[in-house]
Amino acid sequence: SRQDVPTKLVAKAVPLPMTVRGHWFLSPRTEYTVAVQTASKQVDGDYVVSEWSEIIEFCTADYSKVHLTQLLEKAEVIAGRM
């Protein structure tokens, strides 16, 4: 049915222009392809679904020195607990 709208990132419908902030945990040195589609729930419970946005492709970089230091610190804390 049209009410089965799969969502990976859910946000309130706000007037354009808008920014939807989501948290995606991306891997380093990985290519990603992203497209966006919105679904607005109507008063009758039905959804109005937009067309897909243009596709954005990007590649993540290596871990930065800051991130590597953070990972090391986390690993040391976990190792200390074990």
Protein backbone atom coordinates (compact mmCIF):
# COMPACT_ATOMS: atom_id res chain seq x y z
CA SER A 1 0.00 0.00 0.00
CA ARG A 2 1.06 3.60 -0.35
CA GLN A 3 1.31 3.85 3.44
CA ASP A 4 4.30 1.49 3.50
CA VAL A 5 6.98 4.13 3.07
CA PRO A 6 10.43 2.77 3.88
CA THR A 7 12.62 5.36 5.54
CA LYS A 8 16.28 5.24 6.41
CA LEU A 9 16.30 8.79 7.71
CA VAL A 10 13.15 10.28 9.20
CA ALA A 11 12.68 14.02 9.59
CA LYS A 12 9.78 16.38 10.14
CA ALA A 13 8.51 18.06 7.00
CA VAL A 14 9.70 21.66 7.09
CA PRO A 15 9.51 24.40 4.47
CA LEU A 16 12.25 24.51 1.86
CA PRO A 17 15.10 25.26 1.82
CA MET A 18 15.85 22.76 4.52
CA THR A 19 18.65 20.67 5.86
CA VAL A 20 18.02 17.20 7.20
CA ARG A 21 20.69 16.11 9.60
CA GLY A 22 21.27 12.41 9.88
CA HIS A 23 24.06 10.29 11.23
CA TRP A 24 25.60 7.83 8.88
CA PHE A 25 28.66 5.91 9.91
CA LEU A 26 30.78 5.90 6.78
CA SER A 27 33.84 3.77 6.17
CA PRO A 28 37.11 5.28 4.95
CA ARG A 29 38.17 4.78 1.33
CA THR A 30 34.64 3.85 0.28
CA GLU A 31 32.54 5.08 -2.62
CA TYR A 32 28.97 6.06 -1.78
CA THR A 33 25.97 6.93 -3.92
CA VAL A 34 23.19 8.97 -2.33
CA ALA A 35 19.74 10.01 -3.54
CA VAL A 36 16.99 11.59 -1.47
CA GLN A 37 13.24 11.09 -1.51
CA THR A 38 10.76 12.73 0.85
CA ALA A 39 7.46 11.40 2.15
CA SER A 40 4.95 13.76 3.78
CA LYS A 41 2.11 12.24 5.79
CA GLN A 42 -1.26 13.85 5.03
CA VAL A 43 -4.23 14.40 7.33
CA ASP A 44 -5.97 11.30 5.94
CA GLY A 45 -2.93 9.18 6.82
CA ASP A 46 -1.78 8.81 3.24
CA TYR A 47 1.69 9.83 2.07
CA VAL A 48 2.74 12.22 -0.65
CA VAL A 49 6.07 10.94 -1.96
CA SER A 50 8.46 13.11 -3.93
CA GLU A 51 10.50 12.16 -6.96
CA TRP A 52 14.05 11.01 -6.27
CA SER A 53 16.67 13.75 -6.14
CA GLU A 54 19.66 13.78 -8.42
CA ILE A 55 22.26 11.18 -7.48
CA ILE A 56 25.31 12.37 -5.60
CA GLU A 57 28.43 10.23 -5.69
CA PHE A 58 31.38 10.72 -3.40
CA CYS A 59 34.30 8.83 -1.95
CA THR A 60 35.44 9.05 1.66
CA ALA A 61 39.06 9.76 2.48
CA ASP A 62 41.46 7.96 4.79
CA TYR A 63 41.06 8.35 8.53
CA SER A 64 42.53 11.61 9.75
CA LYS A 65 45.17 11.66 12.50
CA VAL A 66 42.53 13.02 14.92
CA HIS A 67 40.18 10.10 14.18
CA LEU A 68 42.99 7.57 14.51
CA THR A 69 43.91 9.05 17.91
CA GLN A 70 40.26 8.84 19.02
CA LEU A 71 40.06 5.21 17.88
CA LEU A 72 43.27 4.41 19.77
CA GLU A 73 41.93 6.04 22.94
CA LYS A 74 38.65 4.10 22.68
CA ALA A 75 40.54 0.86 22.13
CA GLU A 76 42.72 1.52 25.17
CA VAL A 77 39.65 2.21 27.36
CA ILE A 78 37.98 -1.02 26.18
CA ALA A 79 41.20 -3.01 26.62
CA GLY A 80 41.50 -1.61 30.15
CA ARG A 81 38.03 -2.94 31.01
CA MET A 82 38.75 -6.44 29.69
